[in-house]
């Protein structure tokens, strides 16, 4: 399997962003979040972002990199918004009406 440079850059950016956000949560939170929960959240967000990245790229979206970063924001509403926009709104917009 050939590794795409864009995907590699996306993964590095995503890991850096999530690591920084998790660091901020740990530093400025009154209660410490267990490491296991942080790893689960990290895994869910990365899986969601990678899915959105590849799906947008395969569908020919112009800004697939940004869609992938959008997937890092929260779980699962980013995925729901992505699916609604790309499957429903853009599909209806591209449909020809006579």
N, C-alpha and C. Protein backbone atom coordinates (compact mmCIF):
# COMPACT_ATOMS: atom_id res chain seq x y z
N UNK A 1 0.84 -1.18 0.00
CA UNK A 1 0.00 0.00 0.00
C UNK A 1 0.89 1.24 0.00
N UNK A 2 0.64 2.11 -0.92
CA UNK A 2 1.41 3.34 -1.04
C UNK A 2 0.86 4.39 -0.07
N UNK A 3 1.75 5.01 0.69
CA UNK A 3 1.34 6.03 1.65
C UNK A 3 1.38 7.39 0.96
N UNK A 4 0.26 8.07 1.01
CA UNK A 4 0.14 9.38 0.39
C UNK A 4 0.78 10.44 1.29
N UNK A 5 1.47 11.40 0.70
CA UNK A 5 2.10 12.47 1.49
C UNK A 5 1.06 13.32 2.20
N UNK A 6 -0.07 13.56 1.55
CA UNK A 6 -1.12 14.36 2.17
C UNK A 6 -1.67 13.66 3.40
N UNK A 7 -1.88 12.33 3.31
CA UNK A 7 -2.38 11.59 4.45
C UNK A 7 -1.38 11.58 5.59
N UNK A 8 -0.10 11.44 5.27
CA UNK A 8 0.93 11.47 6.31
C UNK A 8 0.94 12.82 7.01
N UNK A 9 0.87 13.90 6.24
CA UNK A 9 0.83 15.23 6.83
C UNK A 9 -0.42 15.42 7.66
N UNK A 10 -1.55 14.90 7.17
CA UNK A 10 -2.80 14.98 7.92
C UNK A 10 -2.68 14.26 9.26
N UNK A 11 -2.13 13.06 9.26
CA UNK A 11 -2.00 12.30 10.51
C UNK A 11 -1.09 13.01 11.51
N UNK A 12 0.01 13.56 11.04
CA UNK A 12 0.92 14.28 11.93
C UNK A 12 0.23 15.51 12.51
N UNK A 13 -0.48 16.24 11.67
CA UNK A 13 -1.21 17.42 12.13
C UNK A 13 -2.29 17.03 13.13
N UNK A 14 -3.02 15.97 12.83
CA UNK A 14 -4.10 15.53 13.70
C UNK A 14 -3.58 15.09 15.06
N UNK A 15 -2.51 14.33 15.07
CA UNK A 15 -1.95 13.86 16.33
C UNK A 15 -1.42 15.03 17.15
N UNK A 16 -0.79 15.99 16.50
CA UNK A 16 -0.29 17.17 17.21
C UNK A 16 -1.44 17.98 17.81
N UNK A 17 -2.49 18.18 17.03
CA UNK A 17 -3.64 18.95 17.53
C UNK A 17 -4.31 18.25 18.71
N UNK A 18 -4.56 16.96 18.56
CA UNK A 18 -5.21 16.22 19.65
C UNK A 18 -4.33 16.15 20.89
N UNK A 19 -3.05 15.96 20.71
CA UNK A 19 -2.14 15.91 21.86
C UNK A 19 -2.13 17.24 22.60
N UNK A 20 -2.11 18.33 21.86
CA UNK A 20 -2.13 19.65 22.49
C UNK A 20 -3.44 19.88 23.23
N UNK A 21 -4.56 19.51 22.62
CA UNK A 21 -5.85 19.68 23.29
C UNK A 21 -5.96 18.83 24.54
N UNK A 22 -5.48 17.59 24.48
CA UNK A 22 -5.51 16.74 25.66
C UNK A 22 -4.60 17.28 26.75
N UNK A 23 -3.47 17.85 26.37
CA UNK A 23 -2.58 18.48 27.34
C UNK A 23 -3.29 19.65 28.03
N UNK A 24 -3.98 20.48 27.24
CA UNK A 24 -4.70 21.62 27.82
C UNK A 24 -5.80 21.17 28.77
N UNK A 25 -6.50 20.11 28.40
CA UNK A 25 -7.56 19.60 29.27
C UNK A 25 -6.97 19.13 30.58
N UNK A 26 -5.86 18.43 30.53
CA UNK A 26 -5.23 17.93 31.75
C UNK A 26 -4.69 19.07 32.62
N UNK A 27 -4.17 20.11 32.02
CA UNK A 27 -3.56 21.20 32.78
C UNK A 27 -4.59 22.10 33.44
N UNK A 28 -5.68 22.39 32.75
CA UNK A 28 -6.62 23.39 33.23
C UNK A 28 -7.92 22.82 33.76
N UNK A 29 -8.00 21.53 33.92
CA UNK A 29 -9.19 20.90 34.47
C UNK A 29 -9.00 20.69 35.96
N UNK A 30 -10.09 20.91 36.72
CA UNK A 30 -10.02 20.68 38.16
C UNK A 30 -9.88 19.20 38.47
N UNK A 31 -10.57 18.38 37.72
CA UNK A 31 -10.48 16.94 37.92
C UNK A 31 -9.61 16.33 36.82
N UNK A 32 -8.78 15.43 37.20
CA UNK A 32 -7.92 14.77 36.22
C UNK A 32 -8.71 13.66 35.52
N UNK A 33 -8.59 13.61 34.22
CA UNK A 33 -9.27 12.61 33.42
C UNK A 33 -8.37 11.37 33.34
N UNK A 34 -8.95 10.19 33.57
CA UNK A 34 -8.12 8.97 33.51
C UNK A 34 -7.48 8.78 32.13
N UNK A 35 -6.28 8.24 32.14
CA UNK A 35 -5.52 8.05 30.91
C UNK A 35 -6.25 7.11 29.94
N UNK A 36 -6.90 6.09 30.46
CA UNK A 36 -7.64 5.16 29.61
C UNK A 36 -8.75 5.84 28.84
N UNK A 37 -9.46 6.74 29.50
CA UNK A 37 -10.54 7.48 28.84
C UNK A 37 -9.97 8.40 27.77
N UNK A 38 -8.85 9.03 28.06
CA UNK A 38 -8.21 9.89 27.06
C UNK A 38 -7.77 9.09 25.83
N UNK A 39 -7.25 7.90 26.05
CA UNK A 39 -6.84 7.06 24.92
C UNK A 39 -8.04 6.62 24.09
N UNK A 40 -9.16 6.32 24.74
CA UNK A 40 -10.37 5.96 24.01
C UNK A 40 -10.87 7.14 23.19
N UNK A 41 -10.91 8.32 23.80
CA UNK A 41 -11.36 9.51 23.07
C UNK A 41 -10.43 9.82 21.91
N UNK A 42 -9.14 9.72 22.14
CA UNK A 42 -8.15 9.95 21.10
C UNK A 42 -8.36 8.99 19.93
N UNK A 43 -8.58 7.71 20.25
CA UNK A 43 -8.78 6.70 19.21
C UNK A 43 -10.06 6.95 18.42
N UNK A 44 -11.14 7.30 19.11
CA UNK A 44 -12.40 7.58 18.42
C UNK A 44 -12.28 8.78 17.48
N UNK A 45 -11.66 9.84 17.97
CA UNK A 45 -11.52 11.03 17.14
C UNK A 45 -10.61 10.78 15.94
N UNK A 46 -9.53 10.05 16.14
CA UNK A 46 -8.63 9.75 15.02
C UNK A 46 -9.31 8.85 13.99
N UNK A 47 -10.04 7.84 14.47
CA UNK A 47 -10.73 6.94 13.53
C UNK A 47 -11.77 7.71 12.73
N UNK A 48 -12.51 8.58 13.40
CA UNK A 48 -13.52 9.39 12.71
C UNK A 48 -12.87 10.32 11.69
N UNK A 49 -11.79 10.97 12.08
CA UNK A 49 -11.11 11.91 11.18
C UNK A 49 -10.52 11.19 9.96
N UNK A 50 -9.93 10.03 10.18
CA UNK A 50 -9.35 9.28 9.06
C UNK A 50 -10.45 8.80 8.12
N UNK A 51 -11.58 8.34 8.68
CA UNK A 51 -12.70 7.91 7.83
C UNK A 51 -13.20 9.08 6.98
N UNK A 52 -13.41 10.23 7.60
CA UNK A 52 -13.91 11.40 6.87
C UNK A 52 -12.89 11.83 5.82
N UNK A 53 -11.62 11.82 6.17
CA UNK A 53 -10.56 12.20 5.23
C UNK A 53 -10.61 11.33 3.97
N UNK A 54 -10.59 10.01 4.15
CA UNK A 54 -10.57 9.11 3.00
C UNK A 54 -11.88 9.14 2.22
N UNK A 55 -13.00 9.24 2.93
CA UNK A 55 -14.28 9.29 2.24
C UNK A 55 -14.39 10.55 1.38
N UNK A 56 -13.99 11.68 1.94
CA UNK A 56 -14.05 12.93 1.18
C UNK A 56 -13.10 12.89 -0.01
N UNK A 57 -11.93 12.30 0.19
CA UNK A 57 -10.97 12.21 -0.91
C UNK A 57 -11.49 11.30 -2.02
N UNK A 58 -12.08 10.17 -1.65
CA UNK A 58 -12.61 9.23 -2.64
C UNK A 58 -13.82 9.81 -3.37
N UNK A 59 -14.57 10.67 -2.73
CA UNK A 59 -15.74 11.29 -3.36
C UNK A 59 -15.36 12.50 -4.20
N UNK A 60 -14.10 12.88 -4.17
CA UNK A 60 -13.64 13.99 -4.99
C UNK A 60 -13.94 15.36 -4.40
N UNK A 61 -14.07 15.42 -3.08
CA UNK A 61 -14.31 16.71 -2.43
C UNK A 61 -13.07 17.58 -2.59
N UNK A 62 -13.30 18.85 -2.78
CA UNK A 62 -12.19 19.78 -3.03
C UNK A 62 -11.33 19.97 -1.78
N UNK A 63 -11.95 20.05 -0.62
CA UNK A 63 -11.22 20.33 0.63
C UNK A 63 -11.25 19.11 1.56
N UNK A 64 -10.81 17.97 1.06
CA UNK A 64 -10.86 16.75 1.86
C UNK A 64 -9.96 16.84 3.09
N UNK A 65 -8.86 17.59 2.99
CA UNK A 65 -7.97 17.74 4.14
C UNK A 65 -8.69 18.46 5.28
N UNK A 66 -9.43 19.51 4.94
CA UNK A 66 -10.17 20.25 5.96
C UNK A 66 -11.33 19.43 6.52
N UNK A 67 -11.94 18.61 5.68
CA UNK A 67 -12.98 17.72 6.20
C UNK A 67 -12.39 16.78 7.25
N UNK A 68 -11.20 16.28 7.00
CA UNK A 68 -10.55 15.40 7.97
C UNK A 68 -10.26 16.11 9.27
N UNK A 69 -9.78 17.35 9.19
CA UNK A 69 -9.53 18.12 10.41
C UNK A 69 -10.83 18.44 11.14
N UNK A 70 -11.90 18.65 10.37
CA UNK A 70 -13.22 18.88 10.98
C UNK A 70 -13.65 17.66 11.80
N UNK A 71 -13.23 16.48 11.37
CA UNK A 71 -13.56 15.26 12.10
C UNK A 71 -12.89 15.16 13.45
N UNK A 72 -11.89 15.99 13.71
CA UNK A 72 -11.20 15.96 15.00
C UNK A 72 -11.92 16.77 16.08
N UNK A 73 -12.91 17.55 15.69
CA UNK A 73 -13.52 18.47 16.64
C UNK A 73 -14.29 17.77 17.75
N UNK A 74 -15.19 16.89 17.39
CA UNK A 74 -15.95 16.16 18.41
C UNK A 74 -16.53 14.89 17.80
N UNK A 75 -17.04 14.05 18.65
CA UNK A 75 -17.57 12.76 18.22
C UNK A 75 -18.98 12.63 18.73
N UNK A 76 -19.94 12.25 18.00
CA UNK A 76 -20.03 11.90 16.59
C UNK A 76 -20.66 12.99 15.74
N UNK A 77 -20.87 14.18 16.31
CA UNK A 77 -21.59 15.21 15.54
C UNK A 77 -20.83 15.66 14.30
N UNK A 78 -19.51 15.63 14.31
CA UNK A 78 -18.75 15.98 13.10
C UNK A 78 -19.05 15.01 11.97
N UNK A 79 -19.14 13.73 12.30
CA UNK A 79 -19.45 12.72 11.30
C UNK A 79 -20.87 12.90 10.77
N UNK A 80 -21.81 13.19 11.66
CA UNK A 80 -23.20 13.39 11.25
C UNK A 80 -23.31 14.59 10.32
N UNK A 81 -22.66 15.69 10.68
CA UNK A 81 -22.70 16.89 9.84
C UNK A 81 -22.06 16.61 8.48
N UNK A 82 -20.93 15.92 8.48
CA UNK A 82 -20.26 15.59 7.22
C UNK A 82 -21.17 14.75 6.33
N UNK A 83 -21.78 13.72 6.91
CA UNK A 83 -22.65 12.86 6.11
C UNK A 83 -23.86 13.61 5.58
N UNK A 84 -24.44 14.47 6.40
CA UNK A 84 -25.59 15.26 5.94
C UNK A 84 -25.21 16.18 4.79
N UNK A 85 -24.09 16.86 4.93
CA UNK A 85 -23.70 17.82 3.89
C UNK A 85 -23.31 17.11 2.60
N UNK A 86 -22.50 16.08 2.69
CA UNK A 86 -22.00 15.46 1.46
C UNK A 86 -23.00 14.50 0.83
N UNK A 87 -23.83 13.85 1.61
CA UNK A 87 -24.75 12.85 1.06
C UNK A 87 -26.11 13.44 0.72
N UNK A 88 -26.57 14.42 1.49
CA UNK A 88 -27.92 14.94 1.29
C UNK A 88 -27.90 16.30 0.60
N UNK A 89 -27.23 17.26 1.18
CA UNK A 89 -27.30 18.63 0.66
C UNK A 89 -26.59 18.75 -0.69
N UNK A 90 -25.34 18.29 -0.77
CA UNK A 90 -24.61 18.40 -2.03
C UNK A 90 -25.18 17.49 -3.11
N UNK A 91 -25.72 16.34 -2.71
CA UNK A 91 -26.33 15.44 -3.68
C UNK A 91 -27.55 16.10 -4.31
N UNK A 92 -28.39 16.74 -3.48
CA UNK A 92 -29.56 17.43 -4.01
C UNK A 92 -29.17 18.64 -4.85
N UNK A 93 -28.11 19.31 -4.47
CA UNK A 93 -27.66 20.49 -5.21
C UNK A 93 -27.16 20.11 -6.60
N UNK A 94 -26.49 18.96 -6.71
CA UNK A 94 -25.94 18.53 -7.99
C UNK A 94 -26.98 17.85 -8.88
N UNK A 95 -28.12 17.53 -8.33
CA UNK A 95 -29.17 16.89 -9.13
C UNK A 95 -29.79 17.91 -10.07
N UNK A 96 -29.94 17.51 -11.30
CA UNK A 96 -30.52 18.42 -12.30
C UNK A 96 -32.05 18.38 -12.19
N UNK A 97 -32.64 19.53 -12.24
CA UNK A 97 -34.10 19.61 -12.26
C UNK A 97 -34.54 20.12 -13.61
N UNK A 98 -35.56 19.51 -14.15
CA UNK A 98 -36.04 19.89 -15.48
C UNK A 98 -37.39 20.56 -15.38
